[in-house]
């Protein structure tokens, strides 16, 4: 058994109990985004803020590193599942039991 007490959400991941898994989360995020986009021009100077390029660079590196971590997590869990099931067919055509997306692979994806 690969379960670890402190990694409960990781090993027993279930979309139904995941943070922000309700339909209200993306709808709310979209509304907040539209409000920010609509009001931001009123607070930003005409030429924009100067000196933000280093912050943008750090932000992009952070997003790239996070994406790499997610890719490696998915790759690792796919390898673990291939070893456990001794099959690769599920990687091409997943047939979730009872339509449930759960487990470590879904945590990473």
PDB file of N, CA and C in Angstrom:
ATOM      1  N   UNK A   1       0.848  -1.182   0.000  1.00  0.00           N
ATOM      2  CA  UNK A   1       0.000   0.000   0.000  1.00  0.00           C
ATOM      3  C   UNK A   1       0.889   1.239   0.000  1.00  0.00           C
ATOM      4  N   UNK A   2       0.652   2.152  -0.941  1.00  0.00           N
ATOM      5  CA  UNK A   2       1.504   3.333  -1.096  1.00  0.00           C
ATOM      6  C   UNK A   2       1.000   4.522  -0.296  1.00  0.00           C
ATOM      7  N   UNK A   3       0.021   4.348   0.535  1.00  0.00           N
ATOM      8  CA  UNK A   3      -0.574   5.472   1.242  1.00  0.00           C
ATOM      9  C   UNK A   3       0.338   5.966   2.358  1.00  0.00           C
ATOM     10  N   UNK A   4       0.317   7.251   2.533  1.00  0.00           N
ATOM     11  CA  UNK A   4       1.086   7.904   3.573  1.00  0.00           C
ATOM     12  C   UNK A   4       0.118   8.806   4.325  1.00  0.00           C
ATOM     13  N   UNK A   5       0.167   8.809   5.673  1.00  0.00           N
ATOM     14  CA  UNK A   5      -0.825   9.572   6.445  1.00  0.00           C
ATOM     15  C   UNK A   5      -0.883  11.057   6.080  1.00  0.00           C
ATOM     16  N   UNK A   6       0.251  11.668   5.802  1.00  0.00           N
ATOM     17  CA  UNK A   6       0.245  13.096   5.498  1.00  0.00           C
ATOM     18  C   UNK A   6      -0.094  13.382   4.037  1.00  0.00           C
ATOM     19  N   UNK A   7      -0.165  12.357   3.220  1.00  0.00           N
ATOM     20  CA  UNK A   7      -0.477  12.549   1.806  1.00  0.00           C
ATOM     21  C   UNK A   7      -1.870  12.032   1.481  1.00  0.00           C
ATOM     22  N   UNK A   8      -2.794  12.173   2.406  1.00  0.00           N
ATOM     23  CA  UNK A   8      -4.139  11.651   2.224  1.00  0.00           C
ATOM     24  C   UNK A   8      -4.820  12.165   0.973  1.00  0.00           C
ATOM     25  N   UNK A   9      -4.728  13.458   0.717  1.00  0.00           N
ATOM     26  CA  UNK A   9      -5.379  13.988  -0.466  1.00  0.00           C
ATOM     27  C   UNK A   9      -4.705  13.481  -1.730  1.00  0.00           C
ATOM     28  N   UNK A  10      -3.428  13.243  -1.675  1.00  0.00           N
ATOM     29  CA  UNK A  10      -2.701  12.756  -2.839  1.00  0.00           C
ATOM     30  C   UNK A  10      -3.062  11.309  -3.160  1.00  0.00           C
ATOM     31  N   UNK A  11      -2.968  10.440  -2.201  1.00  0.00           N
ATOM     32  CA  UNK A  11      -3.188   9.019  -2.457  1.00  0.00           C
ATOM     33  C   UNK A  11      -4.664   8.675  -2.605  1.00  0.00           C
ATOM     34  N   UNK A  12      -5.533   9.408  -1.958  1.00  0.00           N
ATOM     35  CA  UNK A  12      -6.972   9.146  -2.026  1.00  0.00           C
ATOM     36  C   UNK A  12      -7.709  10.252  -2.768  1.00  0.00           C
ATOM     37  N   UNK A  13      -7.054  10.897  -3.720  1.00  0.00           N
ATOM     38  CA  UNK A  13      -7.638  12.047  -4.407  1.00  0.00           C
ATOM     39  C   UNK A  13      -8.956  11.675  -5.076  1.00  0.00           C
ATOM     40  N   UNK A  14      -9.937  12.532  -4.901  1.00  0.00           N
ATOM     41  CA  UNK A  14     -11.250  12.359  -5.520  1.00  0.00           C
ATOM     42  C   UNK A  14     -11.755  13.747  -5.914  1.00  0.00           C
ATOM     43  N   UNK A  15     -12.126  13.908  -7.177  1.00  0.00           N
ATOM     44  CA  UNK A  15     -12.574  15.219  -7.661  1.00  0.00           C
ATOM     45  C   UNK A  15     -13.756  15.755  -6.864  1.00  0.00           C
ATOM     46  N   UNK A  16     -14.607  14.890  -6.366  1.00  0.00           N
ATOM     47  CA  UNK A  16     -15.779  15.354  -5.634  1.00  0.00           C
ATOM     48  C   UNK A  16     -15.427  16.059  -4.332  1.00  0.00           C
ATOM     49  N   UNK A  17     -14.255  15.746  -3.772  1.00  0.00           N
ATOM     50  CA  UNK A  17     -13.856  16.341  -2.501  1.00  0.00           C
ATOM     51  C   UNK A  17     -12.654  17.268  -2.646  1.00  0.00           C
ATOM     52  N   UNK A  18     -12.277  17.583  -3.870  1.00  0.00           N
ATOM     53  CA  UNK A  18     -11.121  18.450  -4.115  1.00  0.00           C
ATOM     54  C   UNK A  18     -11.492  19.911  -3.867  1.00  0.00           C
ATOM     55  N   UNK A  19     -10.517  20.701  -3.403  1.00  0.00           N
ATOM     56  CA  UNK A  19     -10.788  22.133  -3.250  1.00  0.00           C
ATOM     57  C   UNK A  19     -11.143  22.745  -4.605  1.00  0.00           C
ATOM     58  N   UNK A  20     -12.070  23.636  -4.621  1.00  0.00           N
ATOM     59  CA  UNK A  20     -12.499  24.364  -5.824  1.00  0.00           C
ATOM     60  C   UNK A  20     -13.087  23.446  -6.896  1.00  0.00           C
ATOM     61  N   UNK A  21     -13.662  22.313  -6.501  1.00  0.00           N
ATOM     62  CA  UNK A  21     -14.188  21.368  -7.483  1.00  0.00           C
ATOM     63  C   UNK A  21     -15.642  21.636  -7.864  1.00  0.00           C
ATOM     64  N   UNK A  22     -16.278  22.580  -7.209  1.00  0.00           N
ATOM     65  CA  UNK A  22     -17.668  22.875  -7.547  1.00  0.00           C
ATOM     66  C   UNK A  22     -17.718  23.783  -8.780  1.00  0.00           C
ATOM     67  N   UNK A  23     -18.883  23.857  -9.389  1.00  0.00           N
ATOM     68  CA  UNK A  23     -19.050  24.715 -10.565  1.00  0.00           C
ATOM     69  C   UNK A  23     -18.938  26.189 -10.202  1.00  0.00           C
ATOM     70  N   UNK A  24     -19.145  26.525  -8.960  1.00  0.00           N
ATOM     71  CA  UNK A  24     -19.074  27.921  -8.537  1.00  0.00           C
ATOM     72  C   UNK A  24     -17.651  28.468  -8.616  1.00  0.00           C
ATOM     73  N   UNK A  25     -16.645  27.615  -8.460  1.00  0.00           N
ATOM     74  CA  UNK A  25     -15.257  28.077  -8.457  1.00  0.00           C
ATOM     75  C   UNK A  25     -14.841  28.680  -9.805  1.00  0.00           C
ATOM     76  N   UNK A  26     -14.970  27.970 -10.931  1.00  0.00           N
ATOM     77  CA  UNK A  26     -14.561  28.602 -12.201  1.00  0.00           C
ATOM     78  C   UNK A  26     -15.478  29.753 -12.612  1.00  0.00           C
ATOM     79  N   UNK A  27     -16.760  29.664 -12.284  1.00  0.00           N
ATOM     80  CA  UNK A  27     -17.675  30.760 -12.614  1.00  0.00           C
ATOM     81  C   UNK A  27     -17.289  32.001 -11.820  1.00  0.00           C
ATOM     82  N   UNK A  28     -17.039  31.824 -10.519  1.00  0.00           N
ATOM     83  CA  UNK A  28     -16.612  32.942  -9.682  1.00  0.00           C
ATOM     84  C   UNK A  28     -15.289  33.531 -10.132  1.00  0.00           C
ATOM     85  N   UNK A  29     -14.348  32.669 -10.500  1.00  0.00           N
ATOM     86  CA  UNK A  29     -13.049  33.143 -10.988  1.00  0.00           C
ATOM     87  C   UNK A  29     -13.223  33.931 -12.278  1.00  0.00           C
ATOM     88  N   UNK A  30     -14.107  33.478 -13.152  1.00  0.00           N
ATOM     89  CA  UNK A  30     -14.363  34.198 -14.403  1.00  0.00           C
ATOM     90  C   UNK A  30     -14.967  35.564 -14.156  1.00  0.00           C
ATOM     91  N   UNK A  31     -15.903  35.653 -13.221  1.00  0.00           N
ATOM     92  CA  UNK A  31     -16.529  36.935 -12.889  1.00  0.00           C
ATOM     93  C   UNK A  31     -15.491  37.894 -12.299  1.00  0.00           C
ATOM     94  N   UNK A  32     -14.671  37.398 -11.374  1.00  0.00           N
ATOM     95  CA  UNK A  32     -13.619  38.239 -10.779  1.00  0.00           C
ATOM     96  C   UNK A  32     -12.655  38.709 -11.854  1.00  0.00           C
ATOM     97  N   UNK A  33     -12.271  37.816 -12.775  1.00  0.00           N
ATOM     98  CA  UNK A  33     -11.365  38.183 -13.865  1.00  0.00           C
ATOM     99  C   UNK A  33     -11.973  39.296 -14.723  1.00  0.00           C
ATOM    100  N   UNK A  34     -13.232  39.159 -15.097  1.00  0.00           N
ATOM    101  CA  UNK A  34     -13.882  40.180 -15.919  1.00  0.00           C
ATOM    102  C   UNK A  34     -13.965  41.523 -15.205  1.00  0.00           C
ATOM    103  N   UNK A  35     -14.214  41.491 -13.908  1.00  0.00           N
ATOM    104  CA  UNK A  35     -14.253  42.733 -13.126  1.00  0.00           C
ATOM    105  C   UNK A  35     -12.877  43.388 -13.106  1.00  0.00           C
ATOM    106  N   UNK A  36     -11.839  42.584 -12.898  1.00  0.00           N
ATOM    107  CA  UNK A  36     -10.474  43.130 -12.887  1.00  0.00           C
ATOM    108  C   UNK A  36     -10.115  43.713 -14.243  1.00  0.00           C
ATOM    109  N   UNK A  37     -10.418  42.992 -15.316  1.00  0.00           N
ATOM    110  CA  UNK A  37     -10.099  43.476 -16.660  1.00  0.00           C
ATOM    111  C   UNK A  37     -10.860  44.772 -16.961  1.00  0.00           C
ATOM    112  N   UNK A  38     -12.086  44.869 -16.500  1.00  0.00           N
ATOM    113  CA  UNK A  38     -12.889  46.068 -16.758  1.00  0.00           C
ATOM    114  C   UNK A  38     -12.411  47.272 -15.953  1.00  0.00           C
ATOM    115  N   UNK A  39     -11.939  47.060 -14.726  1.00  0.00           N
ATOM    116  CA  UNK A  39     -11.566  48.187 -13.862  1.00  0.00           C
ATOM    117  C   UNK A  39     -10.071  48.514 -13.881  1.00  0.00           C
ATOM    118  N   UNK A  40      -9.244  47.606 -14.325  1.00  0.00           N
ATOM    119  CA  UNK A  40      -7.796  47.822 -14.299  1.00  0.00           C
ATOM    120  C   UNK A  40      -7.343  49.058 -15.078  1.00  0.00           C
ATOM    121  N   UNK A  41      -7.887  49.326 -16.268  1.00  0.00           N
ATOM    122  CA  UNK A  41      -7.433  50.520 -17.002  1.00  0.00           C
ATOM    123  C   UNK A  41      -7.619  51.827 -16.224  1.00  0.00           C
ATOM    124  N   UNK A  42      -8.519  51.862 -15.278  1.00  0.00           N
ATOM    125  CA  UNK A  42      -8.741  53.082 -14.491  1.00  0.00           C
ATOM    126  C   UNK A  42      -7.629  53.311 -13.479  1.00  0.00           C
ATOM    127  N   UNK A  43      -6.880  52.268 -13.139  1.00  0.00           N
ATOM    128  CA  UNK A  43      -5.846  52.376 -12.109  1.00  0.00           C
ATOM    129  C   UNK A  43      -4.423  52.323 -12.666  1.00  0.00           C
ATOM    130  N   UNK A  44      -4.268  51.926 -13.918  1.00  0.00           N
ATOM    131  CA  UNK A  44      -2.934  51.809 -14.519  1.00  0.00           C
ATOM    132  C   UNK A  44      -2.616  53.089 -15.280  1.00  0.00           C
ATOM    133  N   UNK A  45      -1.423  53.648 -15.078  1.00  0.00           N
ATOM    134  CA  UNK A  45      -1.033  54.854 -15.817  1.00  0.00           C
ATOM    135  C   UNK A  45      -1.011  54.591 -17.330  1.00  0.00           C
ATOM    136  N   UNK A  46      -1.072  55.648 -18.118  1.00  0.00           N
ATOM    137  CA  UNK A  46      -1.149  55.549 -19.586  1.00  0.00           C
ATOM    138  C   UNK A  46       0.001  54.721 -20.165  1.00  0.00           C
ATOM    139  N   UNK A  47       1.196  54.902 -19.699  1.00  0.00           N
ATOM    140  CA  UNK A  47       2.350  54.168 -20.232  1.00  0.00           C
ATOM    141  C   UNK A  47       2.574  52.827 -19.547  1.00  0.00           C
ATOM    142  N   UNK A  48       1.732  52.485 -18.597  1.00  0.00           N
ATOM    143  CA  UNK A  48       1.920  51.255 -17.841  1.00  0.00           C
ATOM    144  C   UNK A  48       2.911  51.463 -16.713  1.00  0.00           C
ATOM    145  N   UNK A  49       3.089  50.452 -15.897  1.00  0.00           N
ATOM    146  CA  UNK A  49       4.052  50.526 -14.803  1.00  0.00           C
ATOM    147  C   UNK A  49       5.436  50.179 -15.332  1.00  0.00           C
ATOM    148  N   UNK A  50       6.408  50.936 -14.932  1.00  0.00           N
ATOM    149  CA  UNK A  50       7.790  50.702 -15.381  1.00  0.00           C
ATOM    150  C   UNK A  50       8.491  49.755 -14.404  1.00  0.00           C
ATOM    151  N   UNK A  51       9.399  48.964 -14.934  1.00  0.00           N
ATOM    152  CA  UNK A  51      10.214  48.096 -14.094  1.00  0.00           C
ATOM    153  C   UNK A  51       9.576  46.783 -13.686  1.00  0.00           C
ATOM    154  N   UNK A  52       8.519  46.356 -14.376  1.00  0.00           N
ATOM    155  CA  UNK A  52       7.866  45.102 -14.025  1.00  0.00           C
ATOM    156  C   UNK A  52       8.421  43.897 -14.779  1.00  0.00           C
ATOM    157  N   UNK A  53       9.315  44.141 -15.732  1.00  0.00           N
ATOM    158  CA  UNK A  53       9.814  43.025 -16.539  1.00  0.00           C
ATOM    159  C   UNK A  53      10.442  41.918 -15.690  1.00  0.00           C
ATOM    160  N   UNK A  54      11.272  42.227 -14.693  1.00  0.00           N
ATOM    161  CA  UNK A  54      11.832  41.145 -13.861  1.00  0.00           C
ATOM    162  C   UNK A  54      10.764  40.327 -13.138  1.00  0.00           C
ATOM    163  N   UNK A  55       9.698  40.985 -12.722  1.00  0.00           N
ATOM    164  CA  UNK A  55       8.608  40.270 -12.042  1.00  0.00           C
ATOM    165  C   UNK A  55       7.921  39.328 -13.018  1.00  0.00           C
ATOM    166  N   UNK A  56       7.705  39.794 -14.256  1.00  0.00           N
ATOM    167  CA  UNK A  56       7.092  38.939 -15.280  1.00  0.00           C
ATOM    168  C   UNK A  56       7.971  37.724 -15.580  1.00  0.00           C
ATOM    169  N   UNK A  57       9.265  37.946 -15.619  1.00  0.00           N
ATOM    170  CA  UNK A  57      10.195  36.840 -15.894  1.00  0.00           C
ATOM    171  C   UNK A  57      10.126  35.800 -14.775  1.00  0.00           C
ATOM    172  N   UNK A  58      10.169  36.242 -13.538  1.00  0.00           N
ATOM    173  CA  UNK A  58      10.080  35.323 -12.390  1.00  0.00           C
ATOM    174  C   UNK A  58       8.738  34.596 -12.410  1.00  0.00           C
ATOM    175  N   UNK A  59       7.681  35.313 -12.712  1.00  0.00           N
ATOM    176  CA  UNK A  59       6.348  34.715 -12.784  1.00  0.00           C
ATOM    177  C   UNK A  59       6.308  33.621 -13.847  1.00  0.00           C
ATOM    178  N   UNK A  60       6.863  33.882 -15.019  1.00  0.00           N
ATOM    179  CA  UNK A  60       6.872  32.881 -16.088  1.00  0.00           C
ATOM    180  C   UNK A  60       7.732  31.672 -15.729  1.00  0.00           C
ATOM    181  N   UNK A  61       8.865  31.895 -15.069  1.00  0.00           N
ATOM    182  CA  UNK A  61       9.681  30.761 -14.619  1.00  0.00           C
ATOM    183  C   UNK A  61       8.932  29.916 -13.598  1.00  0.00           C
ATOM    184  N   UNK A  62       8.223  30.572 -12.700  1.00  0.00           N
ATOM    185  CA  UNK A  62       7.439  29.849 -11.698  1.00  0.00           C
ATOM    186  C   UNK A  62       6.372  28.993 -12.370  1.00  0.00           C
ATOM    187  N   UNK A  63       5.633  29.565 -13.328  1.00  0.00           N
ATOM    188  CA  UNK A  63       4.598  28.803 -14.024  1.00  0.00           C
ATOM    189  C   UNK A  63       5.196  27.643 -14.815  1.00  0.00           C
ATOM    190  N   UNK A  64       6.345  27.866 -15.411  1.00  0.00           N
ATOM    191  CA  UNK A  64       7.007  26.792 -16.160  1.00  0.00           C
ATOM    192  C   UNK A  64       7.457  25.672 -15.231  1.00  0.00           C
ATOM    193  N   UNK A  65       8.025  26.029 -14.091  1.00  0.00           N
ATOM    194  CA  UNK A  65       8.475  25.017 -13.128  1.00  0.00           C
ATOM    195  C   UNK A  65       7.276  24.235 -12.574  1.00  0.00           C
ATOM    196  N   UNK A  66       6.174  24.918 -12.311  1.00  0.00           N
ATOM    197  CA  UNK A  66       4.971  24.251 -11.793  1.00  0.00           C
ATOM    198  C   UNK A  66       4.415  23.288 -12.844  1.00  0.00           C
ATOM    199  N   UNK A  67       4.411  23.712 -14.103  1.00  0.00           N
ATOM    200  CA  UNK A  67       3.945  22.834 -15.185  1.00  0.00           C
ATOM    201  C   UNK A  67       4.844  21.612 -15.324  1.00  0.00           C
ATOM    202  N   UNK A  68       6.150  21.805 -15.197  1.00  0.00           N
ATOM    203  CA  UNK A  68       7.090  20.683 -15.265  1.00  0.00           C
ATOM    204  C   UNK A  68       6.842  19.707 -14.116  1.00  0.00           C
ATOM    205  N   UNK A  69       6.599  20.228 -12.924  1.00  0.00           N
ATOM    206  CA  UNK A  69       6.295  19.379 -11.773  1.00  0.00           C
ATOM    207  C   UNK A  69       5.033  18.552 -12.022  1.00  0.00           C
ATOM    208  N   UNK A  70       3.992  19.177 -12.573  1.00  0.00           N
ATOM    209  CA  UNK A  70       2.756  18.457 -12.870  1.00  0.00           C
ATOM    210  C   UNK A  70       2.991  17.385 -13.940  1.00  0.00           C
ATOM    211  N   UNK A  71       3.770  17.715 -14.966  1.00  0.00           N
ATOM    212  CA  UNK A  71       4.077  16.740 -16.017  1.00  0.00           C
ATOM    213  C   UNK A  71       4.837  15.548 -15.442  1.00  0.00           C
ATOM    214  N   UNK A  72       5.846  15.824 -14.631  1.00  0.00           N
ATOM    215  CA  UNK A  72       6.632  14.737 -14.046  1.00  0.00           C
ATOM    216  C   UNK A  72       5.796  13.906 -13.084  1.00  0.00           C
ATOM    217  N   UNK A  73       4.879  14.546 -12.340  1.00  0.00           N
ATOM    218  CA  UNK A  73       3.976  13.809 -11.459  1.00  0.00           C
ATOM    219  C   UNK A  73       3.072  12.871 -12.249  1.00  0.00           C
ATOM    220  N   UNK A  74       2.507  13.375 -13.354  1.00  0.00           N
ATOM    221  CA  UNK A  74       1.666  12.524 -14.218  1.00  0.00           C
ATOM    222  C   UNK A  74       2.489  11.382 -14.808  1.00  0.00           C
ATOM    223  N   UNK A  75       3.676  11.700 -15.281  1.00  0.00           N
ATOM    224  CA  UNK A  75       4.541  10.681 -15.877  1.00  0.00           C
ATOM    225  C   UNK A  75       4.885   9.598 -14.853  1.00  0.00           C
ATOM    226  N   UNK A  76       5.211  10.006 -13.637  1.00  0.00           N
ATOM    227  CA  UNK A  76       5.536   9.063 -12.569  1.00  0.00           C
ATOM    228  C   UNK A  76       4.343   8.161 -12.259  1.00  0.00           C
ATOM    229  N   UNK A  77       3.184   8.759 -12.080  1.00  0.00           N
ATOM    230  CA  UNK A  77       1.999   7.971 -11.738  1.00  0.00           C
ATOM    231  C   UNK A  77       1.572   7.060 -12.885  1.00  0.00           C
ATOM    232  N   UNK A  78       1.783   7.487 -14.120  1.00  0.00           N
ATOM    233  CA  UNK A  78       1.487   6.607 -15.259  1.00  0.00           C
ATOM    234  C   UNK A  78       2.416   5.396 -15.231  1.00  0.00           C
ATOM    235  N   UNK A  79       3.689   5.651 -14.930  1.00  0.00           N
ATOM    236  CA  UNK A  79       4.637   4.538 -14.815  1.00  0.00           C
ATOM    237  C   UNK A  79       4.264   3.586 -13.691  1.00  0.00           C
ATOM    238  N   UNK A  80       3.861   4.131 -12.550  1.00  0.00           N
ATOM    239  CA  UNK A  80       3.456   3.290 -11.419  1.00  0.00           C
ATOM    240  C   UNK A  80       2.219   2.468 -11.771  1.00  0.00           C
ATOM    241  N   UNK A  81       1.281   3.080 -12.459  1.00  0.00           N
ATOM    242  CA  UNK A  81       0.059   2.354 -12.820  1.00  0.00           C
ATOM    243  C   UNK A  81       0.350   1.293 -13.887  1.00  0.00           C
ATOM    244  N   UNK A  82       1.241   1.608 -14.830  1.00  0.00           N
ATOM    245  CA  UNK A  82       1.600   0.607 -15.843  1.00  0.00           C
ATOM    246  C   UNK A  82       2.237  -0.616 -15.190  1.00  0.00           C
ATOM    247  N   UNK A  83       3.091  -0.364 -14.199  1.00  0.00           N
ATOM    248  CA  UNK A  83       3.719  -1.482 -13.491  1.00  0.00           C
ATOM    249  C   UNK A  83       2.694  -2.276 -12.691  1.00  0.00           C
ATOM    250  N   UNK A  84       1.755  -1.575 -12.063  1.00  0.00           N
ATOM    251  CA  UNK A  84       0.763  -2.246 -11.222  1.00  0.00           C
ATOM    252  C   UNK A  84      -0.227  -3.058 -12.056  1.00  0.00           C
ATOM    253  N   UNK A  85      -0.665  -2.510 -13.196  1.00  0.00           N
ATOM    254  CA  UNK A  85      -1.661  -3.192 -14.020  1.00  0.00           C
ATOM    255  C   UNK A  85      -1.049  -4.033 -15.132  1.00  0.00           C
ATOM    256  N   UNK A  86       0.255  -3.846 -15.354  1.00  0.00           N
ATOM    257  CA  UNK A  86       0.962  -4.577 -16.410  1.00  0.00           C
ATOM    258  C   UNK A  86       0.245  -4.407 -17.757  1.00  0.00           C
ATOM    259  N   UNK A  87      -0.208  -3.172 -18.010  1.00  0.00           N
ATOM    260  CA  UNK A  87      -0.965  -2.877 -19.221  1.00  0.00           C
ATOM    261  C   UNK A  87      -0.865  -1.384 -19.508  1.00  0.00           C
ATOM    262  N   UNK A  88      -0.966  -1.009 -20.778  1.00  0.00           N
ATOM    263  CA  UNK A  88      -0.908   0.398 -21.169  1.00  0.00           C
ATOM    264  C   UNK A  88      -2.196   0.852 -21.842  1.00  0.00           C
ATOM    265  N   UNK A  89      -3.115  -0.036 -22.066  1.00  0.00           N
ATOM    266  CA  UNK A  89      -4.327   0.296 -22.809  1.00  0.00           C
ATOM    267  C   UNK A  89      -5.125   1.414 -22.135  1.00  0.00           C
ATOM    268  N   UNK A  90      -5.152   1.459 -20.829  1.00  0.00           N
ATOM    269  CA  UNK A  90      -5.896   2.484 -20.098  1.00  0.00           C
ATOM    270  C   UNK A  90      -5.404   3.890 -20.425  1.00  0.00           C
ATOM    271  N   UNK A  91      -4.134   4.021 -20.835  1.00  0.00           N
ATOM    272  CA  UNK A  91      -3.574   5.337 -21.151  1.00  0.00           C
ATOM    273  C   UNK A  91      -4.189   5.906 -22.435  1.00  0.00           C
ATOM    274  N   UNK A  92      -4.706   5.036 -23.290  1.00  0.00           N
ATOM    275  CA  UNK A  92      -5.301   5.476 -24.550  1.00  0.00           C
ATOM    276  C   UNK A  92      -6.816   5.580 -24.471  1.00  0.00           C
ATOM    277  N   UNK A  93      -7.425   4.736 -23.672  1.00  0.00           N
ATOM    278  CA  UNK A  93      -8.880   4.744 -23.549  1.00  0.00           C
ATOM    279  C   UNK A  93      -9.246   4.371 -22.116  1.00  0.00           C
ATOM    280  N   UNK A  94      -9.344   5.383 -21.274  1.00  0.00           N
ATOM    281  CA  UNK A  94      -9.643   5.163 -19.855  1.00  0.00           C
ATOM    282  C   UNK A  94     -11.107   4.802 -19.688  1.00  0.00           C
ATOM    283  N   UNK A  95     -11.364   3.805 -18.893  1.00  0.00           N
ATOM    284  CA  UNK A  95     -12.730   3.414 -18.552  1.00  0.00           C
ATOM    285  C   UNK A  95     -12.874   3.524 -17.043  1.00  0.00           C
ATOM    286  N   UNK A  96     -13.158   4.732 -16.549  1.00  0.00           N
ATOM    287  CA  UNK A  96     -13.254   4.902 -15.095  1.00  0.00           C
ATOM    288  C   UNK A  96     -14.371   4.047 -14.501  1.00  0.00           C
ATOM    289  N   UNK A  97     -14.068   3.449 -13.379  1.00  0.00           N
ATOM    290  CA  UNK A  97     -15.057   2.643 -12.661  1.00  0.00           C
ATOM    291  C   UNK A  97     -16.122   3.587 -12.105  1.00  0.00           C
ATOM    292  N   UNK A  98     -17.345   3.348 -12.452  1.00  0.00           N
ATOM    293  CA  UNK A  98     -18.478   4.168 -12.016  1.00  0.00           C
ATOM    294  C   UNK A  98     -18.318   5.638 -12.413  1.00  0.00           C
ATOM    295  N   UNK A  99     -17.517   5.911 -13.431  1.00  0.00           N
ATOM    296  CA  UNK A  99     -17.340   7.280 -13.890  1.00  0.00           C
ATOM    297  C   UNK A  99     -16.578   8.168 -12.925  1.00  0.00           C
ATOM    298  N   UNK A 100     -15.839   7.588 -11.983  1.00  0.00           N
ATOM    299  CA  UNK A 100     -15.135   8.372 -10.974  1.00  0.00           C
ATOM    300  C   UNK A 100     -13.682   8.599 -11.383  1.00  0.00           C
ATOM    301  N   UNK A 101     -13.273   9.846 -11.356  1.00  0.00           N
ATOM    302  CA  UNK A 101     -11.881  10.197 -11.591  1.00  0.00           C
ATOM    303  C   UNK A 101     -11.226  10.369 -10.221  1.00  0.00           C
ATOM    304  N   UNK A 102     -10.451   9.381  -9.812  1.00  0.00           N
ATOM    305  CA  UNK A 102      -9.834   9.455  -8.498  1.00  0.00           C
ATOM    306  C   UNK A 102      -8.477   8.786  -8.508  1.00  0.00           C
ATOM    307  N   UNK A 103      -7.666   9.100  -7.505  1.00  0.00           N
ATOM    308  CA  UNK A 103      -6.348   8.524  -7.367  1.00  0.00           C
ATOM    309  C   UNK A 103      -5.246   9.523  -7.681  1.00  0.00           C
ATOM    310  N   UNK A 104      -4.000   9.113  -7.457  1.00  0.00           N
ATOM    311  CA  UNK A 104      -2.871  10.016  -7.634  1.00  0.00           C
ATOM    312  C   UNK A 104      -2.705  10.573  -9.045  1.00  0.00           C
ATOM    313  N   UNK A 105      -3.004   9.775 -10.068  1.00  0.00           N
ATOM    314  CA  UNK A 105      -2.860  10.271 -11.442  1.00  0.00           C
ATOM    315  C   UNK A 105      -3.798  11.445 -11.678  1.00  0.00           C
ATOM    316  N   UNK A 106      -4.999  11.387 -11.165  1.00  0.00           N
ATOM    317  CA  UNK A 106      -5.948  12.490 -11.327  1.00  0.00           C
ATOM    318  C   UNK A 106      -5.565  13.681 -10.466  1.00  0.00           C
ATOM    319  N   UNK A 107      -4.852  13.438  -9.382  1.00  0.00           N
ATOM    320  CA  UNK A 107      -4.338  14.538  -8.564  1.00  0.00           C
ATOM    321  C   UNK A 107      -3.420  15.413  -9.397  1.00  0.00           C
ATOM    322  N   UNK A 108      -2.514  14.796 -10.158  1.00  0.00           N
ATOM    323  CA  UNK A 108      -1.561  15.539 -10.966  1.00  0.00           C
ATOM    324  C   UNK A 108      -2.196  16.164 -12.200  1.00  0.00           C
ATOM    325  N   UNK A 109      -3.206  15.520 -12.741  1.00  0.00           N
ATOM    326  CA  UNK A 109      -3.797  16.069 -13.962  1.00  0.00           C
ATOM    327  C   UNK A 109      -4.813  17.130 -13.631  1.00  0.00           C
TER     328      UNK A 109
END
